[in-house]
Amino acid sequence: MSAYVIVEIDVEDPAAYEEYRPLAANSVARHGGRYIARGGKAETLEGEWFGRIVVLEFDSLDAAHAWYYSDDYQGCLPIRLRTSRARMIAVEGGGA
């Protein structure tokens, strides 16, 4: 079953964050993930959102975990943590 990683991110240092973007994108691709949404125009329908939205798709929740905890993603994660604040969840796809 597909899984989605949903990230709400507020980039606080855009120039320094640019170093993170290609590293993260390469790690997503290496782990079989793909971008569904990546910082496009967003409209809040309910609640409070503070930043851009990124949605990644993986083949499974296990694949999403493998990507997040991989050496290549963990290697670039400190850049994101230093240059932004974010919330991230992983959720299985599928209907009720």
Protein backbone atom coordinates (compact mmCIF):
# COMPACT_ATOMS: atom_id res chain seq x y z
CA MET A 1 0.00 0.00 0.00
CA SER A 2 1.39 3.43 -0.94
CA ALA A 3 2.48 5.79 1.80
CA TYR A 4 2.76 9.55 1.81
CA VAL A 5 5.14 11.79 3.68
CA ILE A 6 3.56 15.18 4.27
CA VAL A 7 5.74 18.07 5.34
CA GLU A 8 4.74 21.55 6.43
CA ILE A 9 7.86 23.68 6.28
CA ASP A 10 8.75 27.29 6.98
CA VAL A 11 12.12 28.11 5.43
CA GLU A 12 13.83 30.66 7.65
CA ASP A 13 17.14 30.90 5.75
CA PRO A 14 16.36 30.44 2.03
CA ALA A 15 19.94 30.86 0.82
CA ALA A 16 21.31 28.18 3.14
CA TYR A 17 18.26 25.94 2.54
CA GLU A 18 19.20 25.73 -1.16
CA GLU A 19 22.04 23.35 -0.20
CA TYR A 20 19.47 20.93 1.28
CA ARG A 21 17.05 20.79 -1.67
CA PRO A 22 19.11 18.77 -4.19
CA LEU A 23 20.49 16.47 -1.49
CA ALA A 24 16.99 15.68 -0.24
CA ALA A 25 15.61 15.24 -3.77
CA ASN A 26 18.39 12.81 -4.65
CA SER A 27 17.79 10.78 -1.49
CA VAL A 28 14.04 10.61 -2.20
CA ALA A 29 14.72 9.34 -5.74
CA ARG A 30 17.31 6.79 -4.53
CA HIS A 31 14.71 5.33 -2.19
CA GLY A 32 11.99 5.04 -4.81
CA GLY A 33 10.00 8.07 -3.71
CA ARG A 34 8.52 10.80 -5.84
CA TYR A 35 7.28 14.31 -5.24
CA ILE A 36 3.51 14.74 -5.50
CA ALA A 37 3.55 18.39 -4.37
CA ARG A 38 6.58 20.55 -3.72
CA GLY A 39 5.93 24.06 -2.51
CA GLY A 40 3.26 24.97 -5.05
CA LYS A 41 0.45 27.40 -4.42
CA ALA A 42 -1.59 26.34 -1.38
CA GLU A 43 -4.90 27.56 -0.06
CA THR A 44 -5.85 27.04 3.57
CA LEU A 45 -9.37 25.67 3.89
CA GLU A 46 -9.33 25.01 7.64
CA GLY A 47 -6.98 25.50 10.56
CA GLU A 48 -3.65 27.28 10.65
CA TRP A 49 -0.74 26.44 8.37
CA PHE A 50 2.54 28.27 8.55
CA GLY A 51 4.56 27.30 5.51
CA ARG A 52 4.98 25.51 2.24
CA ILE A 53 3.71 21.96 1.80
CA VAL A 54 5.65 19.03 0.38
CA VAL A 55 4.04 15.65 -0.31
CA LEU A 56 6.14 12.59 -1.15
CA GLU A 57 4.86 9.20 -2.27
CA PHE A 58 6.59 5.89 -1.48
CA ASP A 59 5.58 2.31 -2.26
CA SER A 60 4.92 1.59 1.42
CA LEU A 61 5.27 2.94 4.92
CA ASP A 62 8.36 0.76 5.29
CA ALA A 63 9.88 2.42 2.21
CA ALA A 64 9.13 5.88 3.65
CA HIS A 65 10.82 4.87 6.91
CA ALA A 66 13.80 3.45 5.00
CA TRP A 67 14.20 6.79 3.20
CA TYR A 68 13.86 8.96 6.32
CA TYR A 69 16.29 6.91 8.39
CA SER A 70 18.75 6.33 5.54
CA ASP A 71 22.32 7.56 5.84
CA ASP A 72 21.90 9.85 2.84
CA TYR A 73 18.79 11.61 4.19
CA GLN A 74 20.09 11.75 7.75
CA GLY A 75 23.26 13.29 6.27
CA CYS A 76 21.37 16.28 4.84
CA LEU A 77 18.72 16.57 7.57
CA PRO A 78 20.87 18.84 9.79
CA ILE A 79 20.82 21.44 7.00
CA ARG A 80 17.00 21.46 7.01
CA LEU A 81 16.87 21.60 10.79
CA ARG A 82 19.28 24.54 10.80
CA THR A 83 17.52 26.52 8.06
CA SER A 84 13.82 25.86 8.66
CA ARG A 85 11.17 24.62 11.02
CA ALA A 86 8.82 21.85 9.99
CA ARG A 87 6.31 19.20 10.86
CA MET A 88 6.41 15.86 9.04
CA ILE A 89 4.16 12.82 9.08
CA ALA A 90 4.02 9.55 7.17
CA VAL A 91 0.62 8.04 6.41
CA GLU A 92 -0.54 5.00 4.49
CA GLY A 93 -2.71 5.63 1.49
CA GLY A 94 -5.97 3.93 0.76
CA GLY A 95 -9.60 4.60 1.41
CA ALA A 96 -11.94 3.67 4.17
